[in-house]
Amino acid sequence: MGMSSGSTQQRISHGVSSLLRRRRLAPLLAMIEAVHRRRGRVDIIDVGGTLAYWDILPPGFLAEHHVAITLVNLPGGPAPELGSGFSWVGADACDLSRFTDHQFDIVHSNSMIEHLGSWARMRQFAREARRLAPALFIQTPNFWFPVEPHLMTPGFHWLPSPLQAALLVRTGLGHLVRSPDIDDAMSKVEEFRLLDARMLSALFPEATLLRERLGPLTKSLIAVREGTAPR
């Protein structure tokens, strides 16, 4: 039986996404290698991360560089199954006070900050991230990329909130099912607040801003701080 066109498109999309992510992670791999040369091991806190995300790295890379990764996600529900070198903590990204200053070598976060709901909470997370490690790798989708990455809908994130909510009441978009009412739709609309380059730079003023490009367009932004302060 032949493969359906939908399945083919999903495989192509997944392949392109994996290729882009591997390219995106090149600065992070270099950062890990530099810390390993200096300390002989690497401690990473991944805020909003998952075990599956790290499968994109070359096989054996984490073990070879003695990397220990602490995954942080909102509390509630059972802790996920973890592989060797991983631990899990339930906590709010805006309150990581259980961790001490420079407890880690690298703070990593991928496509999480845009889910925090408000600029004030984004600032709180940025303050926490900047104190937890000398090095940072914070990635987020670019507001000015024409396709909203969570709903896979062109231009949706550029529309006024009332129009976004009205559309969600009429139809489902991406992985979101159709909303039964405006209250539910507004809750979904407020879940995604994309940042542009100026906003990310304001949150991490000492970081270098990298641009992940798809053709001539900037698909996502990465704030990178290659800290070398001793621990």
N, C-alpha and C. Protein backbone atom coordinates (compact mmCIF):
# COMPACT_ATOMS: atom_id res chain seq x y z
N MET A 1 0.85 -1.19 0.00
CA MET A 1 0.00 0.00 0.00
C MET A 1 0.88 1.24 0.00
N GLY A 2 0.57 2.21 -0.87
CA GLY A 2 1.39 3.40 -0.95
C GLY A 2 1.17 4.33 0.23
N MET A 3 2.15 5.18 0.49
CA MET A 3 2.06 6.13 1.58
C MET A 3 1.15 7.28 1.20
N SER A 4 0.28 7.70 2.10
CA SER A 4 -0.63 8.80 1.83
C SER A 4 0.15 10.10 1.69
N SER A 5 -0.47 11.07 0.96
CA SER A 5 0.20 12.36 0.78
C SER A 5 0.38 13.06 2.11
N GLY A 6 -0.62 12.88 3.03
CA GLY A 6 -0.49 13.49 4.35
C GLY A 6 0.70 12.96 5.11
N SER A 7 0.89 11.63 5.06
CA SER A 7 2.04 11.02 5.75
C SER A 7 3.34 11.48 5.14
N THR A 8 3.37 11.59 3.81
CA THR A 8 4.58 12.06 3.14
C THR A 8 4.93 13.48 3.55
N GLN A 9 3.92 14.35 3.61
CA GLN A 9 4.16 15.74 4.02
C GLN A 9 4.66 15.82 5.45
N GLN A 10 4.10 14.97 6.33
CA GLN A 10 4.55 14.97 7.72
C GLN A 10 5.99 14.52 7.84
N ARG A 11 6.38 13.50 7.04
CA ARG A 11 7.76 13.01 7.08
C ARG A 11 8.72 14.09 6.56
N ILE A 12 8.32 14.77 5.50
CA ILE A 12 9.16 15.84 4.95
C ILE A 12 9.30 16.96 5.95
N SER A 13 8.16 17.37 6.56
CA SER A 13 8.18 18.44 7.56
C SER A 13 9.06 18.07 8.74
N HIS A 14 8.95 16.81 9.22
CA HIS A 14 9.76 16.37 10.34
C HIS A 14 11.24 16.36 9.96
N GLY A 15 11.55 15.93 8.72
CA GLY A 15 12.94 15.90 8.28
C GLY A 15 13.55 17.28 8.20
N VAL A 16 12.77 18.25 7.66
CA VAL A 16 13.26 19.63 7.58
C VAL A 16 13.45 20.20 8.97
N SER A 17 12.48 19.93 9.88
CA SER A 17 12.58 20.42 11.25
C SER A 17 13.81 19.87 11.95
N SER A 18 14.10 18.57 11.76
CA SER A 18 15.26 17.96 12.39
C SER A 18 16.56 18.56 11.85
N LEU A 19 16.60 18.80 10.54
CA LEU A 19 17.79 19.41 9.94
C LEU A 19 18.03 20.80 10.49
N LEU A 20 16.97 21.60 10.59
CA LEU A 20 17.10 22.95 11.12
C LEU A 20 17.55 22.93 12.58
N ARG A 21 16.99 21.99 13.34
CA ARG A 21 17.36 21.93 14.76
C ARG A 21 18.82 21.54 14.93
N ARG A 22 19.30 20.57 14.13
CA ARG A 22 20.71 20.18 14.23
C ARG A 22 21.61 21.36 13.90
N ARG A 23 21.25 22.12 12.88
CA ARG A 23 22.03 23.30 12.52
C ARG A 23 21.97 24.33 13.65
N ARG A 24 20.79 24.51 14.24
CA ARG A 24 20.61 25.46 15.34
C ARG A 24 21.47 25.12 16.53
N LEU A 25 21.67 23.82 16.79
CA LEU A 25 22.36 23.39 17.99
C LEU A 25 23.88 23.45 17.89
N ALA A 26 24.43 23.78 16.73
CA ALA A 26 25.88 23.82 16.56
C ALA A 26 26.55 24.72 17.60
N PRO A 27 26.05 25.95 17.86
CA PRO A 27 26.69 26.77 18.91
C PRO A 27 26.59 26.14 20.29
N LEU A 28 25.50 25.44 20.57
CA LEU A 28 25.35 24.78 21.87
C LEU A 28 26.36 23.66 22.03
N LEU A 29 26.58 22.88 20.98
CA LEU A 29 27.57 21.80 21.05
C LEU A 29 28.96 22.37 21.30
N ALA A 30 29.28 23.48 20.63
CA ALA A 30 30.58 24.12 20.85
C ALA A 30 30.70 24.62 22.29
N MET A 31 29.62 25.12 22.83
CA MET A 31 29.61 25.60 24.21
C MET A 31 29.85 24.44 25.18
N ILE A 32 29.19 23.31 24.94
CA ILE A 32 29.37 22.12 25.78
C ILE A 32 30.81 21.64 25.72
N GLU A 33 31.37 21.60 24.52
CA GLU A 33 32.75 21.15 24.36
C GLU A 33 33.72 22.06 25.11
N ALA A 34 33.46 23.37 25.07
CA ALA A 34 34.35 24.31 25.76
C ALA A 34 34.29 24.12 27.28
N VAL A 35 33.09 23.92 27.82
CA VAL A 35 32.95 23.70 29.26
C VAL A 35 33.62 22.38 29.66
N HIS A 36 33.46 21.35 28.84
CA HIS A 36 34.06 20.05 29.14
C HIS A 36 35.58 20.13 29.16
N ARG A 37 36.15 20.88 28.24
CA ARG A 37 37.60 21.04 28.23
C ARG A 37 38.08 21.72 29.51
N ARG A 38 37.29 22.62 30.02
CA ARG A 38 37.69 23.39 31.19
C ARG A 38 37.44 22.63 32.49
N ARG A 39 36.30 21.89 32.58
CA ARG A 39 35.88 21.30 33.85
C ARG A 39 35.89 19.77 33.86
N GLY A 40 35.86 19.16 32.66
CA GLY A 40 35.80 17.71 32.61
C GLY A 40 34.38 17.17 32.71
N ARG A 41 33.41 18.03 32.87
CA ARG A 41 31.99 17.67 32.91
C ARG A 41 31.17 18.92 32.61
N VAL A 42 29.87 18.74 32.36
CA VAL A 42 29.00 19.87 32.01
C VAL A 42 27.66 19.68 32.70
N ASP A 43 27.23 20.70 33.45
CA ASP A 43 25.91 20.68 34.10
C ASP A 43 25.00 21.67 33.39
N ILE A 44 23.89 21.16 32.88
CA ILE A 44 22.94 21.98 32.11
C ILE A 44 21.58 21.95 32.79
N ILE A 45 20.94 23.10 32.88
CA ILE A 45 19.53 23.16 33.27
C ILE A 45 18.74 23.52 32.01
N ASP A 46 17.77 22.68 31.67
CA ASP A 46 16.95 22.87 30.47
C ASP A 46 15.54 23.24 30.94
N VAL A 47 15.20 24.51 30.84
CA VAL A 47 13.92 25.00 31.34
C VAL A 47 12.85 24.82 30.27
N GLY A 48 11.85 24.01 30.60
CA GLY A 48 10.80 23.69 29.64
C GLY A 48 11.19 22.58 28.68
N GLY A 49 12.26 21.86 28.98
CA GLY A 49 12.78 20.87 28.05
C GLY A 49 12.20 19.49 28.23
N THR A 50 12.50 18.62 27.28
CA THR A 50 12.06 17.24 27.30
C THR A 50 13.23 16.32 26.96
N LEU A 51 13.11 15.08 27.37
CA LEU A 51 14.15 14.09 27.04
C LEU A 51 14.26 13.90 25.54
N ALA A 52 13.12 13.89 24.84
CA ALA A 52 13.11 13.64 23.40
C ALA A 52 13.89 14.70 22.63
N TYR A 53 13.87 15.93 23.12
CA TYR A 53 14.57 17.01 22.43
C TYR A 53 16.05 16.68 22.26
N TRP A 54 16.67 16.10 23.28
CA TRP A 54 18.10 15.87 23.26
C TRP A 54 18.50 14.68 22.40
N ASP A 55 17.52 13.94 21.89
CA ASP A 55 17.83 12.82 21.00
C ASP A 55 18.41 13.28 19.67
N ILE A 56 18.24 14.59 19.36
CA ILE A 56 18.73 15.10 18.09
C ILE A 56 20.26 15.22 18.08
N LEU A 57 20.88 15.21 19.27
CA LEU A 57 22.34 15.31 19.34
C LEU A 57 23.00 14.06 18.79
N PRO A 58 24.24 14.17 18.34
CA PRO A 58 24.95 12.98 17.85
C PRO A 58 24.99 11.89 18.92
N PRO A 59 24.82 10.63 18.55
CA PRO A 59 24.84 9.54 19.53
C PRO A 59 26.13 9.54 20.35
N GLY A 60 25.99 9.43 21.65
CA GLY A 60 27.14 9.36 22.53
C GLY A 60 27.74 10.69 22.91
N PHE A 61 27.25 11.80 22.34
CA PHE A 61 27.85 13.11 22.61
C PHE A 61 27.74 13.48 24.08
N LEU A 62 26.56 13.29 24.67
CA LEU A 62 26.35 13.69 26.06
C LEU A 62 27.22 12.87 27.00
N ALA A 63 27.28 11.55 26.77
CA ALA A 63 28.09 10.69 27.63
C ALA A 63 29.57 11.01 27.48
N GLU A 64 30.00 11.24 26.26
CA GLU A 64 31.42 11.53 26.00
C GLU A 64 31.87 12.79 26.73
N HIS A 65 30.97 13.74 26.85
CA HIS A 65 31.33 15.02 27.47
C HIS A 65 30.83 15.12 28.92
N HIS A 66 30.39 13.98 29.47
CA HIS A 66 29.96 13.91 30.86
C HIS A 66 28.94 15.01 31.19
N VAL A 67 27.88 15.03 30.40
CA VAL A 67 26.85 16.05 30.54
C VAL A 67 25.74 15.54 31.45
N ALA A 68 25.38 16.32 32.45
CA ALA A 68 24.23 16.06 33.31
C ALA A 68 23.19 17.15 33.04
N ILE A 69 21.96 16.74 32.74
CA ILE A 69 20.92 17.68 32.35
C ILE A 69 19.75 17.61 33.33
N THR A 70 19.40 18.76 33.89
CA THR A 70 18.23 18.87 34.76
C THR A 70 17.10 19.48 33.95
N LEU A 71 16.05 18.70 33.72
CA LEU A 71 14.88 19.18 33.00
C LEU A 71 13.92 19.83 33.99
N VAL A 72 13.44 21.03 33.68
CA VAL A 72 12.51 21.74 34.54
C VAL A 72 11.22 22.00 33.79
N ASN A 73 10.11 21.55 34.37
CA ASN A 73 8.79 21.80 33.80
C ASN A 73 7.82 22.07 34.94
N LEU A 74 6.65 22.57 34.59
CA LEU A 74 5.67 22.89 35.62
C LEU A 74 5.34 21.66 36.46
N PRO A 75 5.17 21.82 37.76
CA PRO A 75 4.82 20.68 38.62
C PRO A 75 3.41 20.19 38.33
N GLY A 76 3.16 18.96 38.78
CA GLY A 76 1.85 18.36 38.54
C GLY A 76 1.98 17.19 37.59
N GLY A 77 1.32 16.10 37.91
CA GLY A 77 1.42 14.92 37.08
C GLY A 77 2.68 14.14 37.40
N PRO A 78 2.77 12.94 36.87
CA PRO A 78 3.93 12.09 37.16
C PRO A 78 5.19 12.61 36.48
N ALA A 79 6.32 12.38 37.11
CA ALA A 79 7.60 12.74 36.49
C ALA A 79 7.83 11.84 35.28
N PRO A 80 8.42 12.37 34.21
CA PRO A 80 8.65 11.57 33.02
C PRO A 80 9.74 10.52 33.24
N GLU A 81 9.71 9.49 32.40
CA GLU A 81 10.80 8.52 32.42
C GLU A 81 12.06 9.17 31.84
N LEU A 82 13.16 8.96 32.51
CA LEU A 82 14.39 9.65 32.12
C LEU A 82 15.49 8.66 31.79
N GLY A 83 16.39 9.09 30.94
CA GLY A 83 17.55 8.28 30.62
C GLY A 83 18.72 8.64 31.51
N SER A 84 19.83 7.94 31.30
CA SER A 84 21.03 8.19 32.09
C SER A 84 21.53 9.62 31.87
N GLY A 85 21.89 10.29 32.96
CA GLY A 85 22.40 11.65 32.87
C GLY A 85 21.33 12.72 32.96
N PHE A 86 20.06 12.32 33.12
CA PHE A 86 18.97 13.28 33.18
C PHE A 86 18.29 13.22 34.55
N SER A 87 17.84 14.38 35.02
CA SER A 87 16.99 14.46 36.20
C SER A 87 15.86 15.42 35.88
N TRP A 88 14.81 15.39 36.71
CA TRP A 88 13.63 16.22 36.43
C TRP A 88 13.21 16.93 37.69
N VAL A 89 12.83 18.22 37.54
CA VAL A 89 12.35 19.03 38.66
C VAL A 89 11.07 19.73 38.23
N GLY A 90 10.04 19.69 39.07
CA GLY A 90 8.82 20.42 38.81
C GLY A 90 8.91 21.81 39.41
N ALA A 91 8.89 22.85 38.57
CA ALA A 91 9.01 24.22 39.06
C ALA A 91 8.52 25.18 37.99
N ASP A 92 8.16 26.39 38.43
CA ASP A 92 7.79 27.47 37.52
C ASP A 92 9.07 28.10 36.98
N ALA A 93 9.12 28.31 35.67
CA ALA A 93 10.31 28.90 35.06
C ALA A 93 10.64 30.28 35.62
N CYS A 94 9.65 30.96 36.19
CA CYS A 94 9.87 32.30 36.72
C CYS A 94 10.29 32.30 38.19
N ASP A 95 10.33 31.12 38.80
CA ASP A 95 10.77 31.01 40.19
C ASP A 95 11.64 29.75 40.33
N LEU A 96 12.92 29.93 40.12
CA LEU A 96 13.88 28.83 40.21
C LEU A 96 14.78 29.03 41.43
N SER A 97 14.18 29.57 42.48
CA SER A 97 14.93 29.92 43.68
C SER A 97 15.51 28.70 44.41
N ARG A 98 15.03 27.51 44.08
CA ARG A 98 15.61 26.31 44.69
C ARG A 98 17.04 26.08 44.21
N PHE A 99 17.42 26.73 43.12
CA PHE A 99 18.77 26.59 42.58
C PHE A 99 19.60 27.82 42.96
N THR A 100 20.87 27.61 43.24
CA THR A 100 21.75 28.70 43.64
C THR A 100 22.38 29.37 42.43
N ASP A 101 22.93 30.56 42.64
CA ASP A 101 23.61 31.28 41.56
C ASP A 101 24.75 30.43 41.00
N HIS A 102 24.82 30.38 39.66
CA HIS A 102 25.87 29.64 38.95
C HIS A 102 25.95 28.18 39.40
N GLN A 103 24.79 27.61 39.70
CA GLN A 103 24.77 26.18 40.04
C GLN A 103 25.04 25.32 38.81
N PHE A 104 24.78 25.88 37.63
CA PHE A 104 24.94 25.14 36.38
C PHE A 104 25.98 25.82 35.50
N ASP A 105 26.42 25.09 34.50
CA ASP A 105 27.33 25.68 33.51
C ASP A 105 26.57 26.39 32.41
N ILE A 106 25.42 25.82 32.01
CA ILE A 106 24.65 26.34 30.88
C ILE A 106 23.17 26.32 31.23
N VAL A 107 22.49 27.42 30.95
CA VAL A 107 21.03 27.44 30.98
C VAL A 107 20.55 27.32 29.54
N HIS A 108 19.71 26.33 29.30
CA HIS A 108 19.17 26.09 27.96
C HIS A 108 17.66 26.18 28.00
N SER A 109 17.07 26.76 26.97
CA SER A 109 15.62 26.78 26.86
C SER A 109 15.25 26.88 25.38
N ASN A 110 14.36 26.02 24.94
CA ASN A 110 13.98 25.97 23.53
C ASN A 110 12.47 26.17 23.39
N SER A 111 12.09 27.25 22.71
CA SER A 111 10.67 27.52 22.44
C SER A 111 9.81 27.44 23.69
N MET A 112 10.28 28.07 24.77
CA MET A 112 9.53 28.09 26.02
C MET A 112 9.13 29.50 26.43
N ILE A 113 10.01 30.46 26.27
CA ILE A 113 9.77 31.79 26.83
C ILE A 113 8.51 32.43 26.26
N GLU A 114 8.16 32.11 25.02
CA GLU A 114 6.96 32.70 24.42
C GLU A 114 5.66 32.16 25.02
N HIS A 115 5.77 31.14 25.88
CA HIS A 115 4.58 30.57 26.52
C HIS A 115 4.33 31.12 27.92
N LEU A 116 5.11 32.08 28.36
CA LEU A 116 5.02 32.54 29.74
C LEU A 116 3.86 33.50 29.98
N GLY A 117 3.25 34.01 28.92
CA GLY A 117 2.00 34.71 29.07
C GLY A 117 2.06 36.22 29.20
N SER A 118 3.16 36.78 29.67
CA SER A 118 3.25 38.23 29.80
C SER A 118 4.72 38.66 29.77
N TRP A 119 4.93 39.93 29.46
CA TRP A 119 6.28 40.47 29.44
C TRP A 119 6.90 40.42 30.84
N ALA A 120 6.08 40.67 31.87
CA ALA A 120 6.60 40.65 33.25
C ALA A 120 7.15 39.27 33.60
N ARG A 121 6.45 38.22 33.19
CA ARG A 121 6.92 36.86 33.48
C ARG A 121 8.15 36.52 32.64
N MET A 122 8.20 37.03 31.44
CA MET A 122 9.40 36.82 30.62
C MET A 122 10.61 37.46 31.29
N ARG A 123 10.44 38.66 31.84
CA ARG A 123 11.53 39.32 32.56
C ARG A 123 11.96 38.50 33.77
N GLN A 124 11.00 37.95 34.49
CA GLN A 124 11.33 37.14 35.66
C GLN A 124 12.15 35.92 35.26
N PHE A 125 11.72 35.25 34.19
CA PHE A 125 12.48 34.09 33.73
C PHE A 125 13.89 34.50 33.31
N ALA A 126 14.01 35.61 32.59
CA ALA A 126 15.33 36.07 32.13
C ALA A 126 16.25 36.33 33.31
N ARG A 127 15.74 36.94 34.37
CA ARG A 127 16.56 37.20 35.56
C ARG A 127 17.03 35.88 36.17
N GLU A 128 16.13 34.91 36.26
CA GLU A 128 16.50 33.62 36.81
C GLU A 128 17.57 32.94 35.94
N ALA A 129 17.34 32.93 34.64
CA ALA A 129 18.27 32.27 33.73
C ALA A 129 19.66 32.89 33.79
N ARG A 130 19.71 34.21 33.85
CA ARG A 130 21.00 34.91 33.83
C ARG A 130 21.82 34.66 35.09
N ARG A 131 21.18 34.32 36.21
CA ARG A 131 21.94 34.10 37.44
C ARG A 131 22.32 32.64 37.64
N LEU A 132 21.66 31.71 36.94
CA LEU A 132 21.85 30.29 37.22
C LEU A 132 23.11 29.71 36.59
N ALA A 133 23.64 30.37 35.56
CA ALA A 133 24.81 29.83 34.87
C ALA A 133 25.54 30.95 34.15
N PRO A 134 26.84 30.80 33.95
CA PRO A 134 27.57 31.82 33.18
C PRO A 134 27.23 31.79 31.70
N ALA A 135 26.74 30.65 31.19
CA ALA A 135 26.45 30.52 29.76
C ALA A 135 24.95 30.32 29.54
N LEU A 136 24.45 30.88 28.43
CA LEU A 136 23.03 30.80 28.10
C LEU A 136 22.84 30.37 26.65
N PHE A 137 21.74 29.64 26.42
CA PHE A 137 21.31 29.31 25.06
C PHE A 137 19.78 29.32 25.10
N ILE A 138 19.18 30.47 24.73
CA ILE A 138 17.74 30.67 24.84
C ILE A 138 17.17 30.89 23.44
N GLN A 139 16.36 29.94 22.97
CA GLN A 139 15.80 30.02 21.62
C GLN A 139 14.31 30.31 21.68
N THR A 140 13.81 31.08 20.70
CA THR A 140 12.39 31.36 20.60
C THR A 140 12.04 31.67 19.15
N PRO A 141 10.83 31.32 18.70
CA PRO A 141 10.42 31.66 17.33
C PRO A 141 10.39 33.17 17.13
N ASN A 142 10.66 33.60 15.91
CA ASN A 142 10.69 35.01 15.57
C ASN A 142 9.30 35.52 15.22
N PHE A 143 8.89 36.60 15.88
CA PHE A 143 7.58 37.19 15.62
C PHE A 143 7.39 37.54 14.15
N TRP A 144 8.46 37.95 13.47
CA TRP A 144 8.33 38.44 12.10
C TRP A 144 8.42 37.34 11.05
N PHE A 145 8.57 36.09 11.46
CA PHE A 145 8.48 35.00 10.49
C PHE A 145 7.00 34.83 10.14
N PRO A 146 6.65 34.69 8.87
CA PRO A 146 5.23 34.77 8.47
C PRO A 146 4.34 33.63 8.93
N VAL A 147 4.90 32.48 9.29
CA VAL A 147 4.08 31.35 9.71
C VAL A 147 4.15 31.19 11.23
N GLU A 148 3.00 31.26 11.90
CA GLU A 148 2.95 31.05 13.34
C GLU A 148 3.34 29.59 13.61
N PRO A 149 4.40 29.33 14.37
CA PRO A 149 4.96 27.98 14.45
C PRO A 149 4.14 27.00 15.27
N HIS A 150 3.29 27.47 16.16
CA HIS A 150 2.50 26.56 16.99
C HIS A 150 1.23 26.13 16.27
N LEU A 151 0.64 27.05 15.52
CA LEU A 151 -0.61 26.76 14.80
C LEU A 151 -0.36 26.49 13.32
N MET A 152 0.88 26.72 12.86
CA MET A 152 1.24 26.51 11.45
C MET A 152 0.28 27.24 10.52
N THR A 153 -0.04 28.48 10.90
CA THR A 153 -1.01 29.28 10.14
C THR A 153 -0.35 30.60 9.74
N PRO A 154 -0.25 30.90 8.44
CA PRO A 154 0.40 32.14 8.00
C PRO A 154 -0.31 33.37 8.55
N GLY A 155 0.47 34.27 9.14
CA GLY A 155 -0.02 35.57 9.56
C GLY A 155 -0.93 35.60 10.77
N PHE A 156 -1.24 34.45 11.37
CA PHE A 156 -2.20 34.43 12.48
C PHE A 156 -1.74 35.31 13.64
N HIS A 157 -0.45 35.25 13.97
CA HIS A 157 0.06 35.98 15.13
C HIS A 157 0.13 37.48 14.89
N TRP A 158 -0.08 37.95 13.67
CA TRP A 158 -0.08 39.37 13.38
C TRP A 158 -1.48 39.98 13.49
N LEU A 159 -2.49 39.16 13.68
CA LEU A 159 -3.86 39.65 13.75
C LEU A 159 -4.17 40.18 15.15
N PRO A 160 -5.12 41.11 15.28
CA PRO A 160 -5.56 41.56 16.61
C PRO A 160 -6.14 40.39 17.41
N SER A 161 -5.98 40.44 18.71
CA SER A 161 -6.45 39.34 19.56
C SER A 161 -7.93 39.02 19.36
N PRO A 162 -8.83 40.02 19.26
CA PRO A 162 -10.24 39.67 19.05
C PRO A 162 -10.48 38.86 17.77
N LEU A 163 -9.74 39.18 16.72
CA LEU A 163 -9.90 38.44 15.47
C LEU A 163 -9.31 37.04 15.60
N GLN A 164 -8.19 36.90 16.30
CA GLN A 164 -7.63 35.57 16.55
C GLN A 164 -8.64 34.70 17.28
N ALA A 165 -9.24 35.26 18.35
CA ALA A 165 -10.21 34.49 19.12
C ALA A 165 -11.43 34.12 18.28
N ALA A 166 -11.89 35.07 17.46
CA ALA A 166 -13.05 34.80 16.61
C ALA A 166 -12.76 33.65 15.64
N LEU A 167 -11.55 33.61 15.10
CA LEU A 167 -11.18 32.53 14.18
C LEU A 167 -11.16 31.18 14.89
N LEU A 168 -10.65 31.16 16.13
CA LEU A 168 -10.59 29.89 16.86
C LEU A 168 -11.97 29.39 17.25
N VAL A 169 -12.93 30.29 17.40
CA VAL A 169 -14.31 29.87 17.66
C VAL A 169 -14.92 29.23 16.41
N ARG A 170 -14.46 29.66 15.25
CA ARG A 170 -15.02 29.15 13.99
C ARG A 170 -14.35 27.87 13.52
N THR A 171 -13.05 27.70 13.86
CA THR A 171 -12.33 26.55 13.32
C THR A 171 -11.13 26.21 14.18
N GLY A 172 -10.65 24.98 14.11
CA GLY A 172 -9.40 24.60 14.74
C GLY A 172 -8.23 24.99 13.86
N LEU A 173 -7.09 25.24 14.49
CA LEU A 173 -5.88 25.60 13.76
C LEU A 173 -4.72 24.82 14.33
N GLY A 174 -3.90 24.23 13.45
CA GLY A 174 -2.75 23.46 13.92
C GLY A 174 -3.21 22.34 14.82
N HIS A 175 -2.59 22.27 16.01
CA HIS A 175 -2.96 21.21 16.95
C HIS A 175 -4.09 21.64 17.88
N LEU A 176 -4.60 22.87 17.71
CA LEU A 176 -5.68 23.36 18.56
C LEU A 176 -7.04 23.02 17.95
N VAL A 177 -7.91 22.43 18.75
CA VAL A 177 -9.27 22.15 18.28
C VAL A 177 -10.09 23.43 18.35
N ARG A 178 -11.20 23.43 17.67
CA ARG A 178 -12.10 24.58 17.66
C ARG A 178 -12.56 24.91 19.07
N SER A 179 -12.53 26.19 19.42
CA SER A 179 -12.94 26.62 20.75
C SER A 179 -14.47 26.67 20.85
N PRO A 180 -15.03 26.26 22.00
CA PRO A 180 -16.49 26.31 22.15
C PRO A 180 -17.02 27.72 22.38
N ASP A 181 -16.17 28.62 22.87
CA ASP A 181 -16.62 29.98 23.16
C ASP A 181 -15.43 30.93 23.19
N ILE A 182 -15.71 32.22 23.33
CA ILE A 182 -14.67 33.24 23.33
C ILE A 182 -13.73 33.10 24.53
N ASP A 183 -14.28 32.71 25.67
CA ASP A 183 -13.45 32.55 26.87
C ASP A 183 -12.34 31.53 26.62
N ASP A 184 -12.70 30.39 26.07
CA ASP A 184 -11.72 29.36 25.76
C ASP A 184 -10.76 29.85 24.68
N ALA A 185 -11.28 30.54 23.67
CA ALA A 185 -10.44 31.02 22.57
C ALA A 185 -9.40 32.02 23.07
N MET A 186 -9.80 32.94 23.96
CA MET A 186 -8.85 33.93 24.47
C MET A 186 -7.76 33.27 25.31
N SER A 187 -8.11 32.22 26.04
CA SER A 187 -7.10 31.49 26.81
C SER A 187 -6.04 30.92 25.88
N LYS A 188 -6.47 30.42 24.73
CA LYS A 188 -5.53 29.87 23.76
C LYS A 188 -4.70 30.97 23.11
N VAL A 189 -5.36 32.09 22.76
CA VAL A 189 -4.66 33.20 22.13
C VAL A 189 -3.53 33.72 23.03
N GLU A 190 -3.80 33.80 24.34
CA GLU A 190 -2.81 34.34 25.26
C GLU A 190 -1.71 33.34 25.61
N GLU A 191 -1.82 32.12 25.11
CA GLU A 191 -0.80 31.11 25.41
C GLU A 191 0.47 31.36 24.62
N PHE A 192 0.38 32.02 23.47
CA PHE A 192 1.54 32.23 22.61
C PHE A 192 1.79 33.73 22.44
N ARG A 193 2.94 34.20 22.90
CA ARG A 193 3.33 35.60 22.72
C ARG A 193 4.73 35.63 22.12
N LEU A 194 4.80 35.70 20.80
CA LEU A 194 6.09 35.63 20.12
C LEU A 194 6.89 36.92 20.33
N LEU A 195 8.21 36.77 20.34
CA LEU A 195 9.13 37.89 20.54
C LEU A 195 9.85 38.21 19.24
N ASP A 196 10.28 39.47 19.12
CA ASP A 196 11.16 39.82 18.03
C ASP A 196 12.58 40.03 18.57
N ALA A 197 13.49 40.40 17.70
CA ALA A 197 14.90 40.50 18.09
C ALA A 197 15.13 41.56 19.16
N ARG A 198 14.45 42.71 19.06
CA ARG A 198 14.65 43.77 20.05
C ARG A 198 14.17 43.33 21.42
N MET A 199 13.07 42.59 21.46
CA MET A 199 12.53 42.13 22.74
C MET A 199 13.46 41.12 23.39
N LEU A 200 13.97 40.16 22.61
CA LEU A 200 14.87 39.15 23.17
C LEU A 200 16.17 39.78 23.64
N SER A 201 16.67 40.75 22.88
CA SER A 201 17.90 41.44 23.29
C SER A 201 17.69 42.24 24.56
N ALA A 202 16.50 42.80 24.74
CA ALA A 202 16.22 43.55 25.96
C ALA A 202 16.19 42.64 27.18
N LEU A 203 15.73 41.40 26.99
CA LEU A 203 15.68 40.44 28.10
C LEU A 203 17.07 39.91 28.44
N PHE A 204 17.93 39.77 27.42
CA PHE A 204 19.27 39.23 27.62
C PHE A 204 20.28 40.19 26.98
N PRO A 205 20.48 41.37 27.59
CA PRO A 205 21.27 42.42 26.95
C PRO A 205 22.74 42.07 26.76
N GLU A 206 23.28 41.15 27.58
CA GLU A 206 24.69 40.79 27.47
C GLU A 206 24.92 39.63 26.50
N ALA A 207 23.86 39.10 25.93
CA ALA A 207 23.98 37.94 25.04
C ALA A 207 24.15 38.37 23.59
N THR A 208 24.75 37.49 22.80
CA THR A 208 24.80 37.66 21.36
C THR A 208 23.54 37.08 20.75
N LEU A 209 22.94 37.78 19.81
CA LEU A 209 21.71 37.31 19.19
C LEU A 209 22.02 36.61 17.87
N LEU A 210 21.71 35.33 17.80
CA LEU A 210 21.88 34.55 16.57
C LEU A 210 20.54 34.42 15.87
N ARG A 211 20.57 34.38 14.55
CA ARG A 211 19.35 34.27 13.76
C ARG A 211 19.36 32.96 12.99
N GLU A 212 18.35 32.14 13.24
CA GLU A 212 18.18 30.90 12.48
C GLU A 212 17.35 31.22 11.24
N ARG A 213 17.94 31.06 10.08
CA ARG A 213 17.28 31.50 8.84
C ARG A 213 16.71 30.33 8.06
N LEU A 214 15.60 30.62 7.40
CA LEU A 214 15.01 29.72 6.42
C LEU A 214 14.93 30.53 5.14
N GLY A 215 15.90 30.29 4.25
CA GLY A 215 16.02 31.16 3.09
C GLY A 215 16.42 32.55 3.55
N PRO A 216 15.76 33.59 3.04
CA PRO A 216 16.11 34.96 3.45
C PRO A 216 15.46 35.40 4.75
N LEU A 217 14.57 34.57 5.31
CA LEU A 217 13.79 34.96 6.48
C LEU A 217 14.38 34.40 7.77
N THR A 218 14.24 35.15 8.85
CA THR A 218 14.67 34.68 10.17
C THR A 218 13.54 33.90 10.81
N LYS A 219 13.75 32.59 10.96
CA LYS A 219 12.72 31.71 11.50
C LYS A 219 12.67 31.78 13.03
N SER A 220 13.83 31.77 13.66
CA SER A 220 13.87 31.85 15.11
C SER A 220 15.09 32.63 15.55
N LEU A 221 15.08 33.01 16.83
CA LEU A 221 16.14 33.81 17.42
C LEU A 221 16.75 33.05 18.60
N ILE A 222 18.06 33.23 18.80
CA ILE A 222 18.75 32.54 19.89
C ILE A 222 19.64 33.54 20.61
N ALA A 223 19.40 33.69 21.91
CA ALA A 223 20.28 34.51 22.74
C ALA A 223 21.36 33.61 23.31
N VAL A 224 22.61 33.90 22.98
CA VAL A 224 23.74 33.07 23.39
C VAL A 224 24.71 33.90 24.21
N ARG A 225 25.02 33.42 25.40
CA ARG A 225 26.06 34.02 26.23
C ARG A 225 27.07 32.93 26.56
N GLU A 226 28.27 33.10 26.07
CA GLU A 226 29.32 32.09 26.24
C GLU A 226 30.14 32.41 27.47
N GLY A 227 29.52 32.30 28.63
CA GLY A 227 30.19 32.65 29.88
C GLY A 227 31.29 31.68 30.22
N THR A 228 32.34 32.18 30.85
CA THR A 228 33.47 31.34 31.24
C THR A 228 33.83 31.51 32.70
N ALA A 229 32.88 32.07 33.49
CA ALA A 229 33.19 32.27 34.91
C ALA A 229 33.38 30.93 35.60
N PRO A 230 34.42 30.79 36.43
CA PRO A 230 34.65 29.52 37.12
C PRO A 230 33.54 29.21 38.11
N ARG A 231 33.32 27.92 38.32
CA ARG A 231 32.30 27.48 39.28
C ARG A 231 32.97 26.82 40.47
